PDB file of N, CA and C in Angstrom:
ATOM      1  N   MET A   1       4.306  47.412  28.038  1.00  0.00           N
ATOM      2  CA  MET A   1       3.074  48.494  27.519  1.00  0.00           C
ATOM      3  C   MET A   1       3.037  48.424  26.164  1.00  0.00           C
ATOM      4  N   ALA A   2       1.718  48.515  25.082  1.00  0.00           N
ATOM      5  CA  ALA A   2       1.737  48.117  23.775  1.00  0.00           C
ATOM      6  C   ALA A   2       1.508  49.309  23.466  1.00  0.00           C
ATOM      7  N   TYR A   3       1.367  49.589  21.873  1.00  0.00           N
ATOM      8  CA  TYR A   3       1.245  50.459  21.415  1.00  0.00           C
ATOM      9  C   TYR A   3      -0.515  50.480  20.829  1.00  0.00           C
ATOM     10  N   VAL A   4      -0.937  51.459  20.721  1.00  0.00           N
ATOM     11  CA  VAL A   4      -2.312  51.502  20.229  1.00  0.00           C
ATOM     12  C   VAL A   4      -2.454  52.446  18.568  1.00  0.00           C
ATOM     13  N   ILE A   5      -3.709  52.405  18.251  1.00  0.00           N
ATOM     14  CA  ILE A   5      -3.420  53.554  16.781  1.00  0.00           C
ATOM     15  C   ILE A   5      -4.634  54.080  17.201  1.00  0.00           C
ATOM     16  N   ASN A   6      -4.975  55.597  17.443  1.00  0.00           N
ATOM     17  CA  ASN A   6      -6.189  56.333  17.814  1.00  0.00           C
ATOM     18  C   ASN A   6      -6.404  56.788  16.612  1.00  0.00           C
ATOM     19  N   ASP A   7      -7.967  57.442  16.588  1.00  0.00           N
ATOM     20  CA  ASP A   7      -8.533  57.963  15.852  1.00  0.00           C
ATOM     21  C   ASP A   7      -8.105  59.072  14.566  1.00  0.00           C
ATOM     22  N   SER A   8      -6.615  59.244  14.918  1.00  0.00           N
ATOM     23  CA  SER A   8      -6.155  60.098  13.820  1.00  0.00           C
ATOM     24  C   SER A   8      -5.426  59.037  12.398  1.00  0.00           C
ATOM     25  N   CYS A   9      -5.614  57.757  12.807  1.00  0.00           N
ATOM     26  CA  CYS A   9      -5.515  57.321  11.611  1.00  0.00           C
ATOM     27  C   CYS A   9      -6.111  57.217  10.476  1.00  0.00           C
ATOM     28  N   ILE A  10      -5.137  57.438   8.993  1.00  0.00           N
ATOM     29  CA  ILE A  10      -5.784  57.756   8.008  1.00  0.00           C
ATOM     30  C   ILE A  10      -5.411  56.766   6.914  1.00  0.00           C
ATOM     31  N   SER A  11      -5.331  55.632   7.654  1.00  0.00           N
ATOM     32  CA  SER A  11      -5.340  54.178   6.865  1.00  0.00           C
ATOM     33  C   SER A  11      -4.393  54.180   5.912  1.00  0.00           C
ATOM     34  N   CYS A  12      -3.320  54.893   5.825  1.00  0.00           N
ATOM     35  CA  CYS A  12      -2.281  55.018   5.027  1.00  0.00           C
ATOM     36  C   CYS A  12      -1.317  53.803   4.550  1.00  0.00           C
ATOM     37  N   GLY A  13      -1.583  52.828   5.634  1.00  0.00           N
ATOM     38  CA  GLY A  13      -0.504  51.419   5.868  1.00  0.00           C
ATOM     39  C   GLY A  13       0.530  51.741   6.114  1.00  0.00           C
ATOM     40  N   ALA A  14       1.366  52.837   6.049  1.00  0.00           N
ATOM     41  CA  ALA A  14       2.777  52.895   6.076  1.00  0.00           C
ATOM     42  C   ALA A  14       3.198  52.053   7.703  1.00  0.00           C
ATOM     43  N   CYS A  15       2.549  51.939   8.411  1.00  0.00           N
ATOM     44  CA  CYS A  15       3.014  51.456  10.013  1.00  0.00           C
ATOM     45  C   CYS A  15       2.965  49.949   9.468  1.00  0.00           C
ATOM     46  N   GLU A  16       2.008  49.279   8.740  1.00  0.00           N
ATOM     47  CA  GLU A  16       2.047  48.023   8.879  1.00  0.00           C
ATOM     48  C   GLU A  16       3.555  47.086   8.321  1.00  0.00           C
ATOM     49  N   PRO A  17       4.087  47.421   7.116  1.00  0.00           N
ATOM     50  CA  PRO A  17       5.211  46.783   6.819  1.00  0.00           C
ATOM     51  C   PRO A  17       6.388  46.723   8.027  1.00  0.00           C
ATOM     52  N   GLU A  18       6.319  48.086   8.735  1.00  0.00           N
ATOM     53  CA  GLU A  18       7.356  48.298   9.699  1.00  0.00           C
ATOM     54  C   GLU A  18       7.199  47.703  10.795  1.00  0.00           C
ATOM     55  N   CYS A  19       6.285  46.954  11.059  1.00  0.00           N
ATOM     56  CA  CYS A  19       6.328  46.039  12.293  1.00  0.00           C
ATOM     57  C   CYS A  19       6.995  44.748  12.317  1.00  0.00           C
ATOM     58  N   PRO A  20       8.237  44.776  13.096  1.00  0.00           N
ATOM     59  CA  PRO A  20       8.686  43.490  13.091  1.00  0.00           C
ATOM     60  C   PRO A  20       8.322  42.168  13.275  1.00  0.00           C
ATOM     61  N   VAL A  21       6.956  42.046  14.186  1.00  0.00           N
ATOM     62  CA  VAL A  21       6.091  40.870  14.884  1.00  0.00           C
ATOM     63  C   VAL A  21       4.691  40.890  14.071  1.00  0.00           C
ATOM     64  N   SER A  22       4.644  41.786  12.678  1.00  0.00           N
ATOM     65  CA  SER A  22       3.637  41.568  12.151  1.00  0.00           C
ATOM     66  C   SER A  22       2.194  41.505  13.105  1.00  0.00           C
ATOM     67  N   CYS A  23       2.036  42.444  13.734  1.00  0.00           N
ATOM     68  CA  CYS A  23       1.088  42.748  14.874  1.00  0.00           C
ATOM     69  C   CYS A  23      -0.529  43.955  14.176  1.00  0.00           C
ATOM     70  N   ILE A  24       0.169  44.683  13.456  1.00  0.00           N
ATOM     71  CA  ILE A  24      -0.821  45.502  12.726  1.00  0.00           C
ATOM     72  C   ILE A  24      -1.367  45.248  11.359  1.00  0.00           C
ATOM     73  N   SER A  25      -2.446  45.330  11.601  1.00  0.00           N
ATOM     74  CA  SER A  25      -3.237  44.812  10.374  1.00  0.00           C
ATOM     75  C   SER A  25      -4.735  46.093   9.961  1.00  0.00           C
ATOM     76  N   ALA A  26      -5.075  46.069   9.126  1.00  0.00           N
ATOM     77  CA  ALA A  26      -5.977  46.825   8.555  1.00  0.00           C
ATOM     78  C   ALA A  26      -7.356  46.177   9.299  1.00  0.00           C
ATOM     79  N   GLY A  27      -8.077  47.707  10.204  1.00  0.00           N
ATOM     80  CA  GLY A  27      -9.457  47.384  10.732  1.00  0.00           C
ATOM     81  C   GLY A  27     -10.454  47.573   9.733  1.00  0.00           C
ATOM     82  N   ASP A  28     -11.615  47.924  10.360  1.00  0.00           N
ATOM     83  CA  ASP A  28     -12.586  48.412   9.917  1.00  0.00           C
ATOM     84  C   ASP A  28     -12.819  49.605   9.290  1.00  0.00           C
ATOM     85  N   SER A  29     -12.260  50.580   9.970  1.00  0.00           N
ATOM     86  CA  SER A  29     -11.943  52.093   9.603  1.00  0.00           C
ATOM     87  C   SER A  29     -10.498  52.566   9.768  1.00  0.00           C
ATOM     88  N   ILE A  30      -9.941  51.843  10.601  1.00  0.00           N
ATOM     89  CA  ILE A  30      -8.610  52.177  11.019  1.00  0.00           C
ATOM     90  C   ILE A  30      -7.506  51.004  11.231  1.00  0.00           C
ATOM     91  N   TYR A  31      -5.937  51.245  11.040  1.00  0.00           N
ATOM     92  CA  TYR A  31      -5.513  50.058  10.962  1.00  0.00           C
ATOM     93  C   TYR A  31      -5.434  49.885  12.989  1.00  0.00           C
ATOM     94  N   VAL A  32      -5.083  48.661  13.149  1.00  0.00           N
ATOM     95  CA  VAL A  32      -5.180  48.364  14.450  1.00  0.00           C
ATOM     96  C   VAL A  32      -3.971  47.453  14.936  1.00  0.00           C
ATOM     97  N   ILE A  33      -3.722  47.059  16.082  1.00  0.00           N
ATOM     98  CA  ILE A  33      -2.794  46.862  16.665  1.00  0.00           C
ATOM     99  C   ILE A  33      -2.677  45.425  17.579  1.00  0.00           C
ATOM    100  N   ASP A  34      -2.252  44.371  17.508  1.00  0.00           N
ATOM    101  CA  ASP A  34      -2.710  43.259  18.624  1.00  0.00           C
ATOM    102  C   ASP A  34      -1.959  43.692  19.521  1.00  0.00           C
ATOM    103  N   GLU A  35      -2.479  44.366  20.895  1.00  0.00           N
ATOM    104  CA  GLU A  35      -1.742  44.677  22.300  1.00  0.00           C
ATOM    105  C   GLU A  35      -1.075  43.256  22.672  1.00  0.00           C
ATOM    106  N   ASN A  36      -1.597  41.915  22.535  1.00  0.00           N
ATOM    107  CA  ASN A  36      -0.996  41.041  22.988  1.00  0.00           C
ATOM    108  C   ASN A  36       0.377  40.644  22.085  1.00  0.00           C
ATOM    109  N   ALA A  37       1.131  41.088  20.846  1.00  0.00           N
ATOM    110  CA  ALA A  37       2.108  40.715  20.045  1.00  0.00           C
ATOM    111  C   ALA A  37       2.887  41.626  20.086  1.00  0.00           C
ATOM    112  N   CYS A  38       2.021  42.980  19.938  1.00  0.00           N
ATOM    113  CA  CYS A  38       3.040  44.263  20.289  1.00  0.00           C
ATOM    114  C   CYS A  38       4.373  44.626  21.161  1.00  0.00           C
ATOM    115  N   ILE A  39       5.343  44.627  20.698  1.00  0.00           N
ATOM    116  CA  ILE A  39       6.852  44.264  21.736  1.00  0.00           C
ATOM    117  C   ILE A  39       6.912  45.888  21.744  1.00  0.00           C
ATOM    118  N   ASP A  40       6.467  46.397  21.882  1.00  0.00           N
ATOM    119  CA  ASP A  40       6.566  48.135  22.196  1.00  0.00           C
ATOM    120  C   ASP A  40       7.936  48.768  21.685  1.00  0.00           C
ATOM    121  N   CYS A  41       8.072  48.473  20.326  1.00  0.00           N
ATOM    122  CA  CYS A  41       9.448  48.838  19.848  1.00  0.00           C
ATOM    123  C   CYS A  41       9.152  50.324  19.232  1.00  0.00           C
ATOM    124  N   GLY A  42       7.735  50.919  18.841  1.00  0.00           N
ATOM    125  CA  GLY A  42       7.896  52.190  18.490  1.00  0.00           C
ATOM    126  C   GLY A  42       7.890  52.295  16.832  1.00  0.00           C
ATOM    127  N   ALA A  43       8.490  51.295  15.843  1.00  0.00           N
ATOM    128  CA  ALA A  43       8.713  51.567  14.518  1.00  0.00           C
ATOM    129  C   ALA A  43       7.540  51.935  13.877  1.00  0.00           C
ATOM    130  N   CYS A  44       6.241  51.563  14.672  1.00  0.00           N
ATOM    131  CA  CYS A  44       5.046  52.090  13.869  1.00  0.00           C
ATOM    132  C   CYS A  44       4.773  53.567  13.687  1.00  0.00           C
ATOM    133  N   ALA A  45       5.174  54.151  15.140  1.00  0.00           N
ATOM    134  CA  ALA A  45       5.052  55.455  15.397  1.00  0.00           C
ATOM    135  C   ALA A  45       6.037  56.359  14.876  1.00  0.00           C
ATOM    136  N   ASN A  46       7.176  55.831  14.212  1.00  0.00           N
ATOM    137  CA  ASN A  46       8.334  56.757  13.620  1.00  0.00           C
ATOM    138  C   ASN A  46       7.795  56.994  12.137  1.00  0.00           C
ATOM    139  N   VAL A  47       7.203  55.928  11.670  1.00  0.00           N
ATOM    140  CA  VAL A  47       6.543  56.300  10.522  1.00  0.00           C
ATOM    141  C   VAL A  47       5.283  56.963   9.850  1.00  0.00           C
ATOM    142  N   CYS A  48       4.481  57.260  10.982  1.00  0.00           N
ATOM    143  CA  CYS A  48       2.984  57.487  10.866  1.00  0.00           C
ATOM    144  C   CYS A  48       3.252  58.868  10.515  1.00  0.00           C
ATOM    145  N   PRO A  49       2.364  59.512   9.570  1.00  0.00           N
ATOM    146  CA  PRO A  49       2.401  60.795   9.278  1.00  0.00           C
ATOM    147  C   PRO A  49       1.660  61.787   9.853  1.00  0.00           C
ATOM    148  N   VAL A  50       0.799  61.113  10.909  1.00  0.00           N
ATOM    149  CA  VAL A  50      -0.023  61.710  11.505  1.00  0.00           C
ATOM    150  C   VAL A  50      -0.213  61.330  13.300  1.00  0.00           C
ATOM    151  N   ASP A  51       0.854  60.588  13.448  1.00  0.00           N
ATOM    152  CA  ASP A  51       0.937  60.115  14.885  1.00  0.00           C
ATOM    153  C   ASP A  51       0.089  59.662  15.520  1.00  0.00           C
ATOM    154  N   ALA A  52      -0.782  58.458  14.628  1.00  0.00           N
ATOM    155  CA  ALA A  52      -1.662  58.177  15.289  1.00  0.00           C
ATOM    156  C   ALA A  52      -1.239  56.851  16.539  1.00  0.00           C
ATOM    157  N   PRO A  53      -0.239  55.900  15.955  1.00  0.00           N
ATOM    158  CA  PRO A  53       0.391  54.960  17.111  1.00  0.00           C
ATOM    159  C   PRO A  53       0.875  55.716  18.377  1.00  0.00           C
ATOM    160  N   VAL A  54      -0.145  55.658  19.161  1.00  0.00           N
ATOM    161  CA  VAL A  54       0.637  56.134  20.471  1.00  0.00           C
ATOM    162  C   VAL A  54       0.828  54.861  21.916  1.00  0.00           C
ATOM    163  N   ALA A  55       1.931  54.850  22.785  1.00  0.00           N
ATOM    164  CA  ALA A  55       2.173  54.063  23.897  1.00  0.00           C
ATOM    165  C   ALA A  55       0.636  53.988  24.721  1.00  0.00           C
ATOM    166  N   GLU A  56       0.542  53.263  25.174  1.00  0.00           N
ATOM    167  CA  GLU A  56      -1.072  52.947  25.731  1.00  0.00           C
ATOM    168  C   GLU A  56      -0.193  53.026  27.196  1.00  0.00           C
TER     169      GLU A  56
END
């Protein structure tokens, strides 16, 4: 089960450098996670100030 970033995202970018497989990138209005590459580690969720990354 991959993580996804919900609409709470404030585009702060804190999650992107924490991802060990580099599957997070800036989208049009929020950051997005490549669900096929996500290893479900939760590193992004641990650093997000608004709890935007959630397990799908």
